[in-house]
Amino acid sequence: MRRKAVWVVAASCATAYLLSFGTTHARHNVSGRRPAVRAQRPRAQPLLPVRAEVPSFSYLDQDRHPVSNTQLLGHVWIADFIFTHCTTACPILSAHTVLLQRKIRNPDVRFISFSVDPEHDTPEVLKEYASRWSADEGRWRLLSTSKRTLPGLIAPLGVVADETGDPDDPIIHTSAFLVVDQGGLVRGAYDSADAEDMKRLVVDVESLVRDGGSKATAKAEVPKAAMAGELNGQKLFVELGCQGCHAQAQVAIPLAGLFGSIVTLTDKRKVKVDEAYLRESIIDPSAKVVAGYLATMPSYAGQLTEAQLSALVGYLKTLDGAEVATPVHHLAVDPVCKMEISAGADVLHVEYKGKTYYFCSETCHRKFSQNPARYELR
């Protein structure tokens, strides 16, 4: 279906992007120019070669504060490219960003998400999006780009952000993370769908921090107050950005009233949502996928201690809603952007000429409302 096709293309974008660099440590300059500096200045071969230079930019973040490439000089930063009404690759990228924040505690490291949908993703929209993921994370800046300057940002980096020629179709974009050093040079590209790549990203960031002489150590000590909060299930739920997906019924199953209910899986089996099911869904989310949803949730295996996992499961059990029925979902296609979404009564929808139309976002809903005949199902 369309959504699956979009996800495959997005993954292909990440693969193609990584292949353009060669392997993670291959020497290649994305601009196509030979690294003449190396020939002019003989020196020890660096572990992480220079792949590209970040071009000049200046955008407003989710708090309407300007963020530029010059402001980031002196910091190691991790970049990705998203848009807020994406329901496939972007939630995965944002979930990984939250996990990376927990793994990389160094206060000097920054996380920068560039929007590839300038017309929709204003600072206000980005602020609401950020609040669903990690409202207290001051190191994560989501930047509202502009249609005029975005091409000049992504082209030198080899990043794809393509509307496929039809403004109503989903934006196909690179789903890889870039690591940028203190001098504004791209030193690595990492496939967000590859667990080993994500492990290498953390190691490489720590290496760049050490080599750059950061005053803070790569593994900065975690405040005792924060450590205490690690065993608070509700706090973990927020800090892990769980609501980033589960607050959107078209992305992930709503959790209120889920514990104790019976759900139907994609293979037609019916299972009870008990404690064992919740634990498995966190550690191995693709094992039992609820019908109407895609297996896009990342695994948190190795990300949580046993105590943290128990605390998180304990909190999920309290989200009872004895009077709240688990919504029944099915896969449908947004008539505007043609993206496959998980549809149900709790998903944005309208009735038109006796048919129900479901939407991935308010943007698509608004476009449909302005000209429903254009998108009418035949």
Protein backbone atom coordinates (compact mmCIF):
# COMPACT_ATOMS: atom_id res chain seq x y z
CA MET A 1 0.00 0.00 0.00
CA ARG A 2 0.98 3.65 -0.33
CA ARG A 3 2.23 4.09 3.23
CA LYS A 4 4.36 0.98 2.99
CA ALA A 5 5.73 2.26 -0.31
CA VAL A 6 6.56 5.60 1.30
CA TRP A 7 8.36 3.85 4.16
CA VAL A 8 10.37 1.72 1.72
CA VAL A 9 11.35 4.79 -0.30
CA ALA A 10 12.30 6.68 2.87
CA ALA A 11 14.48 3.77 3.96
CA SER A 12 15.96 3.66 0.47
CA CYS A 13 16.81 7.35 0.78
CA ALA A 14 18.82 6.59 3.91
CA THR A 15 20.56 3.66 2.20
CA ALA A 16 21.33 5.65 -0.92
CA TYR A 17 22.63 8.50 1.21
CA LEU A 18 24.95 6.19 3.14
CA LEU A 19 26.11 4.50 -0.04
CA SER A 20 26.99 7.90 -1.47
CA PHE A 21 29.50 8.12 1.37
CA GLY A 22 30.63 4.50 1.10
CA THR A 23 30.96 2.71 4.40
CA THR A 24 30.75 4.64 7.65
CA HIS A 25 34.49 5.28 7.69
CA ALA A 26 35.09 5.47 3.94
CA ARG A 27 36.89 8.57 2.70
CA HIS A 28 34.58 10.51 0.44
CA ASN A 29 33.51 14.12 0.12
CA VAL A 30 29.82 14.47 -0.64
CA SER A 31 30.48 17.61 -2.67
CA GLY A 32 32.49 15.56 -5.15
CA ARG A 33 35.62 17.65 -4.62
CA ARG A 34 38.87 15.93 -3.72
CA PRO A 35 39.99 16.56 -0.12
CA ALA A 36 43.01 18.60 -1.23
CA VAL A 37 43.65 19.78 2.33
CA ARG A 38 44.91 16.33 3.20
CA ALA A 39 47.54 16.45 0.46
CA GLN A 40 48.66 19.93 1.45
CA ARG A 41 48.99 19.12 5.13
CA PRO A 42 50.43 15.65 5.70
CA ARG A 43 49.29 14.36 9.04
CA ALA A 44 47.91 11.30 10.82
CA GLN A 45 44.81 9.87 9.16
CA PRO A 46 41.73 10.88 11.21
CA LEU A 47 39.38 8.19 12.42
CA LEU A 48 36.38 10.08 11.08
CA PRO A 49 37.06 11.69 7.69
CA VAL A 50 35.43 14.92 6.60
CA ARG A 51 32.44 14.22 4.39
CA ALA A 52 30.97 17.67 3.82
CA GLU A 53 30.84 21.16 5.24
CA VAL A 54 27.58 22.47 6.66
CA PRO A 55 26.51 25.52 4.61
CA SER A 56 25.50 28.79 6.24
CA PHE A 57 21.99 28.86 7.67
CA SER A 58 19.92 30.79 10.18
CA TYR A 59 16.45 29.63 11.19
CA LEU A 60 14.03 30.10 14.06
CA ASP A 61 13.62 27.21 16.49
CA GLN A 62 10.46 26.07 18.26
CA ASP A 63 10.80 28.94 20.74
CA ARG A 64 11.33 31.49 17.95
CA HIS A 65 14.99 31.84 18.88
CA PRO A 66 17.43 32.14 15.96
CA VAL A 67 19.81 29.21 15.48
CA SER A 68 22.64 29.42 12.95
CA ASN A 69 25.57 27.32 11.86
CA THR A 70 27.95 29.83 13.47
CA GLN A 71 26.17 29.50 16.83
CA LEU A 72 26.80 25.77 16.70
CA LEU A 73 30.54 26.14 16.19
CA GLY A 74 32.34 24.62 19.16
CA HIS A 75 29.64 21.99 19.63
CA VAL A 76 29.32 18.48 18.30
CA TRP A 77 25.78 18.14 16.95
CA ILE A 78 23.51 15.49 15.51
CA ALA A 79 21.19 16.46 12.66
CA ASP A 80 18.12 14.87 11.12
CA PHE A 81 15.38 15.96 8.71
CA ILE A 82 11.68 15.61 9.53
CA PHE A 83 8.23 17.09 9.06
CA THR A 84 5.63 17.14 11.79
CA HIS A 85 2.68 15.48 10.05
CA CYS A 86 4.79 12.57 8.83
CA THR A 87 3.53 9.26 10.22
CA THR A 88 6.25 6.91 8.94
CA ALA A 89 9.98 7.72 9.12
CA CYS A 90 9.76 10.89 11.25
CA PRO A 91 8.33 9.34 14.43
CA ILE A 92 11.16 6.80 14.29
CA LEU A 93 13.75 9.55 13.86
CA SER A 94 12.29 11.52 16.77
CA ALA A 95 12.11 8.41 18.97
CA HIS A 96 15.80 7.76 18.24
CA THR A 97 16.62 11.40 19.01
CA VAL A 98 15.08 11.01 22.46
CA LEU A 99 17.04 7.80 23.04
CA LEU A 100 20.27 9.47 21.89
CA GLN A 101 19.69 12.30 24.37
CA ARG A 102 19.59 9.72 27.15
CA LYS A 103 22.74 7.96 25.93
CA ILE A 104 24.76 11.10 25.23
CA ARG A 105 24.60 13.15 28.43
CA ASN A 106 27.26 15.66 27.47
CA PRO A 107 25.68 19.13 27.79
CA ASP A 108 27.85 20.40 24.91
CA VAL A 109 26.26 18.05 22.37
CA ARG A 110 23.31 19.46 20.44
CA PHE A 111 20.44 17.82 18.53
CA ILE A 112 19.13 19.69 15.49
CA SER A 113 16.02 18.67 13.54
CA PHE A 114 15.48 20.56 10.28
CA SER A 115 11.93 20.65 8.95
CA VAL A 116 11.62 19.71 5.27
CA ASP A 117 8.10 21.16 5.13
CA PRO A 118 8.66 24.93 5.48
CA GLU A 119 5.12 25.92 4.57
CA HIS A 120 3.52 23.91 7.36
CA ASP A 121 6.13 23.63 10.11
CA THR A 122 6.14 27.05 11.74
CA PRO A 123 7.89 27.53 15.10
CA GLU A 124 4.51 27.16 16.80
CA VAL A 125 3.81 23.85 15.05
CA LEU A 126 7.29 22.60 15.91
CA LYS A 127 6.84 23.60 19.56
CA GLU A 128 3.67 21.53 19.81
CA TYR A 129 5.46 18.62 18.13
CA ALA A 130 8.41 18.89 20.53
CA SER A 131 6.10 18.92 23.53
CA ARG A 132 4.88 15.43 22.60
CA TRP A 133 8.42 14.08 22.66
CA SER A 134 10.67 15.68 25.26
CA ALA A 135 9.43 19.03 26.51
CA ASP A 136 12.28 19.47 29.01
CA GLU A 137 15.15 18.70 26.62
CA GLY A 138 16.94 22.01 26.11
CA ARG A 139 19.59 20.57 23.78
CA TRP A 140 17.07 19.63 21.05
CA ARG A 141 16.28 22.46 18.62
CA LEU A 142 13.67 21.97 15.89
CA LEU A 143 14.21 24.49 13.10
CA SER A 144 11.57 26.07 10.91
CA THR A 145 13.25 26.36 7.52
CA SER A 146 12.21 28.35 4.46
CA LYS A 147 11.23 27.17 1.01
CA ARG A 148 13.74 29.58 -0.52
CA THR A 149 16.78 28.50 1.50
CA LEU A 150 16.09 24.82 2.19
CA PRO A 151 17.55 23.58 -1.14
CA GLY A 152 20.79 25.43 -0.42
CA LEU A 153 21.01 23.69 2.96
CA ILE A 154 20.32 20.12 1.91
CA ALA A 155 22.08 19.97 -1.47
CA PRO A 156 25.66 20.31 -0.13
CA LEU A 157 24.84 17.66 2.46
CA GLY A 158 23.48 15.20 -0.10
CA VAL A 159 20.13 15.11 1.68
CA VAL A 160 16.93 14.21 -0.16
CA ALA A 161 13.69 16.11 0.46
CA ASP A 162 11.42 15.48 -2.49
CA GLU A 163 7.68 15.97 -2.90
CA THR A 164 7.76 13.54 -5.84
CA GLY A 165 6.46 16.18 -8.21
CA ASP A 166 2.99 16.32 -6.67
CA PRO A 167 2.43 18.80 -3.81
CA ASP A 168 -0.25 16.54 -2.37
CA ASP A 169 2.03 13.50 -2.10
CA PRO A 170 4.15 12.73 0.98
CA ILE A 171 7.59 14.28 1.26
CA ILE A 172 10.25 11.67 0.68
CA HIS A 173 13.34 12.56 2.69
CA THR A 174 16.60 11.22 4.04
CA SER A 175 16.10 9.21 7.22
CA ALA A 176 19.77 9.13 8.21
CA PHE A 177 21.38 11.02 11.07
CA LEU A 178 24.40 13.25 10.40
CA VAL A 179 27.09 13.95 12.98
CA VAL A 180 28.76 17.37 12.73
CA ASP A 181 31.96 18.28 14.55
CA GLN A 182 32.94 21.46 16.40
CA GLY A 183 34.10 23.07 13.17
CA GLY A 184 30.88 22.56 11.26
CA LEU A 185 32.11 19.55 9.25
CA VAL A 186 30.00 16.45 8.68
CA ARG A 187 31.96 13.49 10.04
CA GLY A 188 29.45 10.65 9.80
CA ALA A 189 26.12 9.44 8.40
CA TYR A 190 24.10 6.77 10.21
CA ASP A 191 21.06 4.78 9.11
CA SER A 192 18.28 5.27 11.69
CA ALA A 193 16.94 1.80 10.85
CA ASP A 194 20.26 0.06 11.57
CA ALA A 195 20.88 -0.76 15.25
CA GLU A 196 24.64 -1.15 14.71
CA ASP A 197 24.82 2.20 12.95
CA MET A 198 23.08 3.86 15.89
CA LYS A 199 25.60 2.31 18.29
CA ARG A 200 28.45 3.60 16.13
CA LEU A 201 26.91 7.06 16.17
CA VAL A 202 27.19 7.23 19.96
CA VAL A 203 30.80 6.01 19.91
CA ASP A 204 31.75 8.48 17.18
CA VAL A 205 30.14 11.42 18.97
CA GLU A 206 32.07 10.58 22.13
CA SER A 207 35.26 10.38 20.07
CA LEU A 208 34.67 13.79 18.50
CA VAL A 209 33.95 15.33 21.90
CA ARG A 210 37.22 13.98 23.29
CA ASP A 211 39.25 15.00 20.25
CA GLY A 212 37.71 18.46 20.30
CA GLY A 213 38.88 19.11 23.83
CA SER A 214 35.42 19.70 25.24
CA LYS A 215 35.50 20.88 28.84
CA ALA A 216 32.70 18.45 29.64
CA THR A 217 33.48 14.77 29.43
CA ALA A 218 31.71 12.60 26.86
CA LYS A 219 29.99 10.72 29.64
CA ALA A 220 29.04 13.55 31.93
CA GLU A 221 27.83 12.55 35.36
CA VAL A 222 24.07 12.34 35.59
CA PRO A 223 22.62 14.42 38.45
CA LYS A 224 21.34 12.31 41.34
CA ALA A 225 17.90 13.86 40.99
CA ALA A 226 17.72 12.66 37.40
CA MET A 227 18.85 9.19 38.41
CA ALA A 228 16.12 9.02 41.01
CA GLY A 229 13.56 9.91 38.36
CA GLU A 230 14.70 6.99 36.24
CA LEU A 231 12.57 4.67 38.37
CA ASN A 232 9.47 6.82 38.06
CA GLY A 233 7.31 5.17 35.39
CA GLN A 234 5.41 8.31 34.48
CA LYS A 235 8.63 10.32 34.19
CA LEU A 236 10.15 7.62 31.99
CA PHE A 237 7.05 7.63 29.81
CA VAL A 238 7.49 11.36 29.21
CA GLU A 239 11.27 11.33 28.84
CA LEU A 240 11.20 8.46 26.38
CA GLY A 241 8.77 10.44 24.23
CA CYS A 242 6.19 7.65 24.28
CA GLN A 243 3.37 10.14 23.83
CA GLY A 244 5.08 11.35 20.63
CA CYS A 245 3.61 8.33 18.85
CA HIS A 246 0.84 7.12 21.14
CA ALA A 247 -0.84 10.52 21.28
CA GLN A 248 -1.50 10.11 17.55
CA ALA A 249 -3.93 7.30 16.93
CA GLN A 250 -2.94 7.15 13.27
CA VAL A 251 0.66 6.40 14.28
CA ALA A 252 0.39 4.13 17.33
CA ILE A 253 -2.33 2.53 19.41
CA PRO A 254 -3.71 4.77 22.21
CA LEU A 255 -2.71 3.47 25.63
CA ALA A 256 -5.64 4.60 27.78
CA GLY A 257 -7.66 1.55 28.71
CA LEU A 258 -5.32 -0.76 26.80
CA PHE A 259 -4.16 -2.84 29.78
CA GLY A 260 -6.51 -5.77 30.36
CA SER A 261 -8.17 -5.44 26.96
CA ILE A 262 -8.20 -7.93 24.11
CA VAL A 263 -6.50 -6.84 20.87
CA THR A 264 -6.40 -8.40 17.44
CA LEU A 265 -2.96 -8.80 15.89
CA THR A 266 -1.99 -8.48 12.24
CA ASP A 267 -1.95 -12.28 11.97
CA LYS A 268 -5.60 -12.35 13.20
CA ARG A 269 -4.73 -13.76 16.63
CA LYS A 270 -6.46 -12.25 19.64
CA VAL A 271 -4.33 -11.68 22.73
CA LYS A 272 -4.89 -10.14 26.12
CA VAL A 273 -2.85 -7.05 26.98
CA ASP A 274 -1.31 -8.20 30.25
CA GLU A 275 1.98 -7.31 31.91
CA ALA A 276 3.92 -9.83 29.83
CA TYR A 277 2.49 -8.35 26.63
CA LEU A 278 3.46 -4.81 27.65
CA ARG A 279 7.01 -5.87 28.48
CA GLU A 280 7.40 -7.71 25.18
CA SER A 281 5.96 -4.77 23.24
CA ILE A 282 8.63 -2.47 24.68
CA ILE A 283 11.56 -4.86 24.19
CA ASP A 284 10.46 -6.54 20.94
CA PRO A 285 7.65 -4.40 19.47
CA SER A 286 7.52 -6.24 16.15
CA ALA A 287 6.68 -9.58 17.83
CA LYS A 288 2.97 -8.84 18.23
CA VAL A 289 1.73 -5.92 16.13
CA VAL A 290 -1.86 -4.79 16.61
CA ALA A 291 -3.99 -4.97 13.47
CA GLY A 292 -4.30 -1.63 11.74
CA TYR A 293 -0.75 -0.58 12.62
CA LEU A 294 2.66 -0.99 11.04
CA ALA A 295 5.73 -2.40 12.81
CA THR A 296 7.55 0.93 13.07
CA MET A 297 8.17 1.21 16.83
CA PRO A 298 11.88 0.97 17.73
CA SER A 299 13.04 -1.64 20.22
CA TYR A 300 14.03 -0.44 23.69
CA ALA A 301 16.04 -3.59 24.38
CA GLY A 302 19.24 -2.55 26.09
CA GLN A 303 17.91 0.97 26.60
CA LEU A 304 16.23 0.28 29.95
CA THR A 305 17.36 -1.51 33.07
CA GLU A 306 15.11 -4.19 34.50
CA ALA A 307 14.01 -1.76 37.22
CA GLN A 308 13.21 0.93 34.65
CA LEU A 309 11.27 -1.51 32.49
CA SER A 310 9.22 -2.61 35.49
CA ALA A 311 8.54 1.00 36.44
CA LEU A 312 7.40 1.85 32.92
CA VAL A 313 5.14 -1.19 32.66
CA GLY A 314 3.72 -0.37 36.08
CA TYR A 315 2.79 3.10 34.87
CA LEU A 316 1.20 1.78 31.68
CA LYS A 317 -0.99 -0.46 33.81
CA THR A 318 -2.31 2.59 35.66
CA LEU A 319 -3.56 4.13 32.42
CA ASP A 320 -6.70 2.21 33.02
CA GLY A 321 -9.87 3.36 31.51
CA ALA A 322 -12.18 0.61 32.59
CA GLU A 323 -14.84 2.59 30.79
CA VAL A 324 -12.60 3.34 27.82
CA ALA A 325 -12.88 0.83 25.03
CA THR A 326 -9.79 0.10 22.97
CA PRO A 327 -10.47 1.77 19.62
CA VAL A 328 -10.82 -0.49 16.61
CA HIS A 329 -8.49 0.55 13.80
CA HIS A 330 -7.99 -0.41 10.20
CA LEU A 331 -5.59 0.73 7.51
CA ALA A 332 -6.92 3.44 5.22
CA VAL A 333 -5.46 5.85 2.69
CA ASP A 334 -5.50 9.59 3.25
CA PRO A 335 -7.30 10.88 0.11
CA VAL A 336 -5.08 13.97 -0.07
CA CYS A 337 -1.50 12.82 0.47
CA LYS A 338 -2.20 9.16 -0.42
CA MET A 339 -0.40 8.03 2.71
CA GLU A 340 -1.56 4.82 4.36
CA ILE A 341 -2.67 5.54 7.94
CA SER A 342 -4.19 3.71 10.87
CA ALA A 343 -7.83 4.81 10.83
CA GLY A 344 -10.51 4.66 13.48
CA ALA A 345 -13.20 6.69 15.22
CA ASP A 346 -10.55 8.61 17.17
CA VAL A 347 -8.65 9.66 14.02
CA LEU A 348 -9.41 12.89 12.17
CA HIS A 349 -12.12 12.11 9.61
CA VAL A 350 -15.17 13.44 7.79
CA GLU A 351 -18.24 11.98 6.13
CA TYR A 352 -18.76 12.99 2.50
CA LYS A 353 -21.46 11.60 0.21
CA GLY A 354 -21.93 8.57 2.41
CA LYS A 355 -18.24 7.69 2.64
CA THR A 356 -15.74 8.21 5.47
CA TYR A 357 -12.45 9.90 4.72
CA TYR A 358 -9.53 9.72 7.17
CA PHE A 359 -6.61 12.14 7.34
CA CYS A 360 -3.01 11.99 8.57
CA SER A 361 -3.04 15.64 9.63
CA GLU A 362 -5.04 18.84 9.87
CA THR A 363 -3.25 20.03 6.74
CA CYS A 364 -4.73 17.24 4.61
CA HIS A 365 -8.10 17.66 6.30
CA ARG A 366 -8.11 21.38 5.39
CA LYS A 367 -7.16 20.70 1.76
CA PHE A 368 -9.95 18.14 1.47
CA SER A 369 -12.49 20.54 2.99
CA GLN A 370 -11.56 23.23 0.48
CA ASN A 371 -12.23 20.97 -2.51
CA PRO A 372 -13.72 17.60 -1.53
CA ALA A 373 -14.76 16.75 -5.09
CA ARG A 374 -11.10 16.68 -6.09
CA TYR A 375 -10.37 13.88 -3.65
CA GLU A 376 -13.69 12.04 -3.81
CA LEU A 377 -13.44 8.26 -3.89
CA ARG A 378 -14.86 6.87 -7.11
